[in-house]
Amino acid sequence: MRFGEIYNDSLLGSQRVIGKFLWFPVTIDYQTRWLEKAKIRQICIQANKEFSMSGYLWKNYAWIDDTNGTGKTSH
């Protein structure tokens, strides 16, 4: 596990793509997938805006469908 500012890429509004095997159901825009490999585009948002805490979290934003290699997203 890595900690520290060197590994912290959580800037408000930044995006990343993660790839993982979905052991549990994940729903994005009313489309649910599970028990398959998937790529997900995530966006960094501020956590707990109502309490003005300085934490960030990654929110699932869109599925990445690489069936034809173009990197087309479903969002």
PDB file of N, CA and C in Angstrom:
ATOM      1  N   MET A   1       0.839  -1.169   0.000  1.00  0.00           N
ATOM      2  CA  MET A   1       0.000   0.000   0.000  1.00  0.00           C
ATOM      3  C   MET A   1       0.888   1.236   0.000  1.00  0.00           C
ATOM      4  N   ARG A   2       0.514   2.248  -0.784  1.00  0.00           N
ATOM      5  CA  ARG A   2       1.325   3.448  -0.900  1.00  0.00           C
ATOM      6  C   ARG A   2       0.579   4.648  -0.326  1.00  0.00           C
ATOM      7  N   PHE A   3       1.311   5.465   0.435  1.00  0.00           N
ATOM      8  CA  PHE A   3       0.724   6.658   1.022  1.00  0.00           C
ATOM      9  C   PHE A   3       1.614   7.846   0.742  1.00  0.00           C
ATOM     10  N   GLY A   4       1.071   9.031   0.887  1.00  0.00           N
ATOM     11  CA  GLY A   4       1.871  10.241   0.763  1.00  0.00           C
ATOM     12  C   GLY A   4       1.476  11.067  -0.445  1.00  0.00           C
ATOM     13  N   GLU A   5       2.021  12.278  -0.500  1.00  0.00           N
ATOM     14  CA  GLU A   5       1.689  13.206  -1.573  1.00  0.00           C
ATOM     15  C   GLU A   5       2.189  12.727  -2.930  1.00  0.00           C
ATOM     16  N   ILE A   6       3.247  11.935  -2.951  1.00  0.00           N
ATOM     17  CA  ILE A   6       3.789  11.436  -4.217  1.00  0.00           C
ATOM     18  C   ILE A   6       2.776  10.588  -4.970  1.00  0.00           C
ATOM     19  N   TYR A   7       1.946   9.846  -4.249  1.00  0.00           N
ATOM     20  CA  TYR A   7       0.992   8.930  -4.867  1.00  0.00           C
ATOM     21  C   TYR A   7      -0.429   9.491  -4.893  1.00  0.00           C
ATOM     22  N   ASN A   8      -0.619  10.705  -4.422  1.00  0.00           N
ATOM     23  CA  ASN A   8      -1.950  11.289  -4.341  1.00  0.00           C
ATOM     24  C   ASN A   8      -2.280  12.027  -5.631  1.00  0.00           C
ATOM     25  N   ASP A   9      -3.123  11.408  -6.477  1.00  0.00           N
ATOM     26  CA  ASP A   9      -3.545  12.049  -7.717  1.00  0.00           C
ATOM     27  C   ASP A   9      -4.996  12.505  -7.624  1.00  0.00           C
ATOM     28  N   SER A  10      -5.489  12.739  -6.415  1.00  0.00           N
ATOM     29  CA  SER A  10      -6.876  13.110  -6.179  1.00  0.00           C
ATOM     30  C   SER A  10      -7.051  14.623  -6.267  1.00  0.00           C
ATOM     31  N   LEU A  11      -7.116  15.153  -7.465  1.00  0.00           N
ATOM     32  CA  LEU A  11      -7.388  16.564  -7.656  1.00  0.00           C
ATOM     33  C   LEU A  11      -8.843  16.709  -8.060  1.00  0.00           C
ATOM     34  N   LEU A  12      -9.522  17.667  -7.491  1.00  0.00           N
ATOM     35  CA  LEU A  12     -10.935  17.873  -7.747  1.00  0.00           C
ATOM     36  C   LEU A  12     -11.192  18.024  -9.248  1.00  0.00           C
ATOM     37  N   GLY A  13     -12.036  17.163  -9.796  1.00  0.00           N
ATOM     38  CA  GLY A  13     -12.374  17.199 -11.217  1.00  0.00           C
ATOM     39  C   GLY A  13     -11.498  16.327 -12.094  1.00  0.00           C
ATOM     40  N   SER A  14     -10.425  15.764 -11.562  1.00  0.00           N
ATOM     41  CA  SER A  14      -9.575  14.908 -12.381  1.00  0.00           C
ATOM     42  C   SER A  14     -10.264  13.567 -12.639  1.00  0.00           C
ATOM     43  N   GLN A  15      -9.857  12.898 -13.706  1.00  0.00           N
ATOM     44  CA  GLN A  15     -10.468  11.630 -14.096  1.00  0.00           C
ATOM     45  C   GLN A  15      -9.398  10.559 -14.201  1.00  0.00           C
ATOM     46  N   ARG A  16      -9.842   9.306 -14.042  1.00  0.00           N
ATOM     47  CA  ARG A  16      -8.954   8.167 -14.219  1.00  0.00           C
ATOM     48  C   ARG A  16      -9.782   7.004 -14.741  1.00  0.00           C
ATOM     49  N   VAL A  17      -9.097   6.015 -15.301  1.00  0.00           N
ATOM     50  CA  VAL A  17      -9.750   4.794 -15.772  1.00  0.00           C
ATOM     51  C   VAL A  17      -9.170   3.637 -14.988  1.00  0.00           C
ATOM     52  N   ILE A  18     -10.049   2.829 -14.393  1.00  0.00           N
ATOM     53  CA  ILE A  18      -9.609   1.652 -13.659  1.00  0.00           C
ATOM     54  C   ILE A  18     -10.162   0.418 -14.350  1.00  0.00           C
ATOM     55  N   GLY A  19      -9.438  -0.657 -14.262  1.00  0.00           N
ATOM     56  CA  GLY A  19      -9.893  -1.937 -14.778  1.00  0.00           C
ATOM     57  C   GLY A  19      -9.864  -2.965 -13.666  1.00  0.00           C
ATOM     58  N   LYS A  20     -10.957  -3.693 -13.505  1.00  0.00           N
ATOM     59  CA  LYS A  20     -11.002  -4.690 -12.450  1.00  0.00           C
ATOM     60  C   LYS A  20     -12.063  -5.730 -12.767  1.00  0.00           C
ATOM     61  N   PHE A  21     -12.017  -6.839 -12.028  1.00  0.00           N
ATOM     62  CA  PHE A  21     -13.044  -7.860 -12.133  1.00  0.00           C
ATOM     63  C   PHE A  21     -14.151  -7.519 -11.141  1.00  0.00           C
ATOM     64  N   LEU A  22     -15.381  -7.499 -11.618  1.00  0.00           N
ATOM     65  CA  LEU A  22     -16.518  -7.104 -10.786  1.00  0.00           C
ATOM     66  C   LEU A  22     -17.103  -8.312 -10.080  1.00  0.00           C
ATOM     67  N   TRP A  23     -16.700  -8.547  -8.841  1.00  0.00           N
ATOM     68  CA  TRP A  23     -17.249  -9.635  -8.039  1.00  0.00           C
ATOM     69  C   TRP A  23     -18.653  -9.304  -7.556  1.00  0.00           C
ATOM     70  N   PHE A  24     -18.919  -8.013  -7.348  1.00  0.00           N
ATOM     71  CA  PHE A  24     -20.221  -7.560  -6.877  1.00  0.00           C
ATOM     72  C   PHE A  24     -20.822  -6.626  -7.927  1.00  0.00           C
ATOM     73  N   PRO A  25     -22.146  -6.517  -7.978  1.00  0.00           N
ATOM     74  CA  PRO A  25     -22.777  -5.663  -8.991  1.00  0.00           C
ATOM     75  C   PRO A  25     -22.383  -4.192  -8.847  1.00  0.00           C
ATOM     76  N   VAL A  26     -22.122  -3.553  -9.990  1.00  0.00           N
ATOM     77  CA  VAL A  26     -21.835  -2.129 -10.054  1.00  0.00           C
ATOM     78  C   VAL A  26     -22.812  -1.519 -11.053  1.00  0.00           C
ATOM     79  N   THR A  27     -23.495  -0.455 -10.644  1.00  0.00           N
ATOM     80  CA  THR A  27     -24.470   0.210 -11.507  1.00  0.00           C
ATOM     81  C   THR A  27     -24.000   1.617 -11.829  1.00  0.00           C
ATOM     82  N   ILE A  28     -23.982   1.935 -13.128  1.00  0.00           N
ATOM     83  CA  ILE A  28     -23.659   3.272 -13.616  1.00  0.00           C
ATOM     84  C   ILE A  28     -24.711   3.624 -14.657  1.00  0.00           C
ATOM     85  N   ASP A  29     -25.408   4.718 -14.469  1.00  0.00           N
ATOM     86  CA  ASP A  29     -26.462   5.172 -15.396  1.00  0.00           C
ATOM     87  C   ASP A  29     -27.468   4.073 -15.711  1.00  0.00           C
ATOM     88  N   TYR A  30     -27.995   3.431 -14.692  1.00  0.00           N
ATOM     89  CA  TYR A  30     -29.030   2.399 -14.795  1.00  0.00           C
ATOM     90  C   TYR A  30     -28.583   1.153 -15.557  1.00  0.00           C
ATOM     91  N   GLN A  31     -27.295   0.960 -15.731  1.00  0.00           N
ATOM     92  CA  GLN A  31     -26.758  -0.256 -16.351  1.00  0.00           C
ATOM     93  C   GLN A  31     -25.916  -0.971 -15.303  1.00  0.00           C
ATOM     94  N   THR A  32     -26.305  -2.209 -14.983  1.00  0.00           N
ATOM     95  CA  THR A  32     -25.622  -2.987 -13.956  1.00  0.00           C
ATOM     96  C   THR A  32     -24.795  -4.087 -14.599  1.00  0.00           C
ATOM     97  N   ARG A  33     -23.566  -4.226 -14.128  1.00  0.00           N
ATOM     98  CA  ARG A  33     -22.674  -5.290 -14.610  1.00  0.00           C
ATOM     99  C   ARG A  33     -22.063  -5.980 -13.403  1.00  0.00           C
ATOM    100  N   TRP A  34     -21.756  -7.270 -13.565  1.00  0.00           N
ATOM    101  CA  TRP A  34     -21.044  -8.015 -12.539  1.00  0.00           C
ATOM    102  C   TRP A  34     -20.561  -9.328 -13.104  1.00  0.00           C
ATOM    103  N   LEU A  35     -19.632  -9.968 -12.364  1.00  0.00           N
ATOM    104  CA  LEU A  35     -18.971 -11.213 -12.766  1.00  0.00           C
ATOM    105  C   LEU A  35     -18.348 -11.108 -14.146  1.00  0.00           C
ATOM    106  N   GLU A  36     -17.659 -10.003 -14.406  1.00  0.00           N
ATOM    107  CA  GLU A  36     -16.943  -9.792 -15.660  1.00  0.00           C
ATOM    108  C   GLU A  36     -15.831  -8.772 -15.433  1.00  0.00           C
ATOM    109  N   LYS A  37     -14.877  -8.738 -16.373  1.00  0.00           N
ATOM    110  CA  LYS A  37     -13.851  -7.706 -16.344  1.00  0.00           C
ATOM    111  C   LYS A  37     -14.448  -6.439 -16.929  1.00  0.00           C
ATOM    112  N   ALA A  38     -14.137  -5.301 -16.316  1.00  0.00           N
ATOM    113  CA  ALA A  38     -14.692  -4.033 -16.790  1.00  0.00           C
ATOM    114  C   ALA A  38     -13.690  -2.910 -16.593  1.00  0.00           C
ATOM    115  N   LYS A  39     -13.816  -1.886 -17.444  1.00  0.00           N
ATOM    116  CA  LYS A  39     -13.070  -0.651 -17.277  1.00  0.00           C
ATOM    117  C   LYS A  39     -14.083   0.434 -16.954  1.00  0.00           C
ATOM    118  N   ILE A  40     -13.734   1.235 -15.937  1.00  0.00           N
ATOM    119  CA  ILE A  40     -14.645   2.267 -15.462  1.00  0.00           C
ATOM    120  C   ILE A  40     -13.916   3.601 -15.424  1.00  0.00           C
ATOM    121  N   ARG A  41     -14.538   4.639 -16.000  1.00  0.00           N
ATOM    122  CA  ARG A  41     -14.002   5.994 -15.889  1.00  0.00           C
ATOM    123  C   ARG A  41     -14.547   6.582 -14.593  1.00  0.00           C
ATOM    124  N   GLN A  42     -13.643   7.125 -13.769  1.00  0.00           N
ATOM    125  CA  GLN A  42     -14.027   7.716 -12.492  1.00  0.00           C
ATOM    126  C   GLN A  42     -13.632   9.186 -12.469  1.00  0.00           C
ATOM    127  N   ILE A  43     -14.390   9.970 -11.712  1.00  0.00           N
ATOM    128  CA  ILE A  43     -14.100  11.392 -11.557  1.00  0.00           C
ATOM    129  C   ILE A  43     -13.939  11.685 -10.064  1.00  0.00           C
ATOM    130  N   CYS A  44     -13.009  12.559  -9.740  1.00  0.00           N
ATOM    131  CA  CYS A  44     -12.731  12.905  -8.350  1.00  0.00           C
ATOM    132  C   CYS A  44     -13.665  14.023  -7.912  1.00  0.00           C
ATOM    133  N   ILE A  45     -14.396  13.785  -6.816  1.00  0.00           N
ATOM    134  CA  ILE A  45     -15.314  14.785  -6.278  1.00  0.00           C
ATOM    135  C   ILE A  45     -14.979  15.022  -4.812  1.00  0.00           C
ATOM    136  N   GLN A  46     -15.494  16.107  -4.279  1.00  0.00           N
ATOM    137  CA  GLN A  46     -15.267  16.423  -2.866  1.00  0.00           C
ATOM    138  C   GLN A  46     -16.286  15.676  -2.020  1.00  0.00           C
ATOM    139  N   ALA A  47     -15.800  15.022  -0.984  1.00  0.00           N
ATOM    140  CA  ALA A  47     -16.676  14.287  -0.078  1.00  0.00           C
ATOM    141  C   ALA A  47     -17.194  15.221   1.008  1.00  0.00           C
ATOM    142  N   ASN A  48     -18.412  14.985   1.445  1.00  0.00           N
ATOM    143  CA  ASN A  48     -19.015  15.729   2.563  1.00  0.00           C
ATOM    144  C   ASN A  48     -18.998  17.238   2.348  1.00  0.00           C
ATOM    145  N   LYS A  49     -19.595  17.689   1.250  1.00  0.00           N
ATOM    146  CA  LYS A  49     -19.645  19.123   0.974  1.00  0.00           C
ATOM    147  C   LYS A  49     -20.403  19.882   2.059  1.00  0.00           C
ATOM    148  N   GLU A  50     -21.433  19.254   2.618  1.00  0.00           N
ATOM    149  CA  GLU A  50     -22.245  19.957   3.614  1.00  0.00           C
ATOM    150  C   GLU A  50     -21.504  20.190   4.921  1.00  0.00           C
ATOM    151  N   PHE A  51     -20.476  19.422   5.198  1.00  0.00           N
ATOM    152  CA  PHE A  51     -19.704  19.611   6.415  1.00  0.00           C
ATOM    153  C   PHE A  51     -18.342  20.252   6.141  1.00  0.00           C
ATOM    154  N   SER A  52     -18.093  20.613   4.896  1.00  0.00           N
ATOM    155  CA  SER A  52     -16.860  21.256   4.431  1.00  0.00           C
ATOM    156  C   SER A  52     -15.605  20.536   4.908  1.00  0.00           C
ATOM    157  N   MET A  53     -15.613  19.219   4.804  1.00  0.00           N
ATOM    158  CA  MET A  53     -14.413  18.436   5.119  1.00  0.00           C
ATOM    159  C   MET A  53     -13.543  18.419   3.864  1.00  0.00           C
ATOM    160  N   SER A  54     -12.274  18.204   4.032  1.00  0.00           N
ATOM    161  CA  SER A  54     -11.357  18.319   2.905  1.00  0.00           C
ATOM    162  C   SER A  54     -11.042  16.976   2.262  1.00  0.00           C
ATOM    163  N   GLY A  55     -11.942  16.018   2.334  1.00  0.00           N
ATOM    164  CA  GLY A  55     -11.687  14.715   1.734  1.00  0.00           C
ATOM    165  C   GLY A  55     -12.186  14.638   0.305  1.00  0.00           C
ATOM    166  N   TYR A  56     -11.568  13.766  -0.464  1.00  0.00           N
ATOM    167  CA  TYR A  56     -11.970  13.531  -1.843  1.00  0.00           C
ATOM    168  C   TYR A  56     -12.304  12.063  -2.013  1.00  0.00           C
ATOM    169  N   LEU A  57     -13.166  11.765  -2.988  1.00  0.00           N
ATOM    170  CA  LEU A  57     -13.443  10.374  -3.305  1.00  0.00           C
ATOM    171  C   LEU A  57     -13.635  10.232  -4.811  1.00  0.00           C
ATOM    172  N   TRP A  58     -13.423   9.016  -5.300  1.00  0.00           N
ATOM    173  CA  TRP A  58     -13.563   8.710  -6.718  1.00  0.00           C
ATOM    174  C   TRP A  58     -14.954   8.142  -6.961  1.00  0.00           C
ATOM    175  N   LYS A  59     -15.716   8.776  -7.847  1.00  0.00           N
ATOM    176  CA  LYS A  59     -17.077   8.353  -8.168  1.00  0.00           C
ATOM    177  C   LYS A  59     -17.092   7.730  -9.562  1.00  0.00           C
ATOM    178  N   ASN A  60     -17.757   6.579  -9.684  1.00  0.00           N
ATOM    179  CA  ASN A  60     -17.889   5.936 -10.987  1.00  0.00           C
ATOM    180  C   ASN A  60     -18.697   6.836 -11.905  1.00  0.00           C
ATOM    181  N   TYR A  61     -18.184   7.063 -13.137  1.00  0.00           N
ATOM    182  CA  TYR A  61     -18.787   8.020 -14.051  1.00  0.00           C
ATOM    183  C   TYR A  61     -19.325   7.365 -15.314  1.00  0.00           C
ATOM    184  N   ALA A  62     -18.566   6.445 -15.913  1.00  0.00           N
ATOM    185  CA  ALA A  62     -18.992   5.830 -17.168  1.00  0.00           C
ATOM    186  C   ALA A  62     -18.279   4.498 -17.382  1.00  0.00           C
ATOM    187  N   TRP A  63     -18.945   3.607 -18.109  1.00  0.00           N
ATOM    188  CA  TRP A  63     -18.321   2.354 -18.529  1.00  0.00           C
ATOM    189  C   TRP A  63     -17.441   2.638 -19.736  1.00  0.00           C
ATOM    190  N   ILE A  64     -16.307   1.959 -19.831  1.00  0.00           N
ATOM    191  CA  ILE A  64     -15.445   2.041 -21.008  1.00  0.00           C
ATOM    192  C   ILE A  64     -15.607   0.724 -21.766  1.00  0.00           C
ATOM    193  N   ASP A  65     -16.160   0.782 -22.957  1.00  0.00           N
ATOM    194  CA  ASP A  65     -16.358  -0.407 -23.769  1.00  0.00           C
ATOM    195  C   ASP A  65     -15.269  -0.477 -24.830  1.00  0.00           C
ATOM    196  N   ASP A  66     -14.351  -1.419 -24.692  1.00  0.00           N
ATOM    197  CA  ASP A  66     -13.246  -1.577 -25.634  1.00  0.00           C
ATOM    198  C   ASP A  66     -13.465  -2.775 -26.552  1.00  0.00           C
ATOM    199  N   THR A  67     -14.684  -3.010 -26.974  1.00  0.00           N
ATOM    200  CA  THR A  67     -14.948  -4.191 -27.791  1.00  0.00           C
ATOM    201  C   THR A  67     -14.289  -4.097 -29.160  1.00  0.00           C
ATOM    202  N   ASN A  68     -14.217  -2.894 -29.734  1.00  0.00           N
ATOM    203  CA  ASN A  68     -13.583  -2.750 -31.047  1.00  0.00           C
ATOM    204  C   ASN A  68     -12.269  -1.979 -30.973  1.00  0.00           C
ATOM    205  N   GLY A  69     -11.783  -1.719 -29.769  1.00  0.00           N
ATOM    206  CA  GLY A  69     -10.486  -1.088 -29.602  1.00  0.00           C
ATOM    207  C   GLY A  69     -10.489   0.426 -29.751  1.00  0.00           C
ATOM    208  N   THR A  70     -11.648   1.063 -29.887  1.00  0.00           N
ATOM    209  CA  THR A  70     -11.686   2.510 -30.074  1.00  0.00           C
ATOM    210  C   THR A  70     -11.732   3.266 -28.758  1.00  0.00           C
ATOM    211  N   GLY A  71     -12.005   2.583 -27.652  1.00  0.00           N
ATOM    212  CA  GLY A  71     -12.099   3.249 -26.368  1.00  0.00           C
ATOM    213  C   GLY A  71     -13.388   4.015 -26.181  1.00  0.00           C
ATOM    214  N   LYS A  72     -14.410   3.648 -26.923  1.00  0.00           N
ATOM    215  CA  LYS A  72     -15.709   4.324 -26.858  1.00  0.00           C
ATOM    216  C   LYS A  72     -16.331   4.165 -25.477  1.00  0.00           C
ATOM    217  N   THR A  73     -16.828   5.254 -24.917  1.00  0.00           N
ATOM    218  CA  THR A  73     -17.478   5.191 -23.603  1.00  0.00           C
ATOM    219  C   THR A  73     -18.983   5.115 -23.789  1.00  0.00           C
ATOM    220  N   SER A  74     -19.648   4.628 -22.771  1.00  0.00           N
ATOM    221  CA  SER A  74     -21.106   4.506 -22.840  1.00  0.00           C
ATOM    222  C   SER A  74     -21.794   5.690 -22.181  1.00  0.00           C
ATOM    223  N   HIS A  75     -21.062   6.771 -21.875  1.00  0.00           N
ATOM    224  CA  HIS A  75     -21.677   7.936 -21.233  1.00  0.00           C
ATOM    225  C   HIS A  75     -21.548   9.143 -22.116  1.00  0.00           C
TER     226      HIS A  75
END
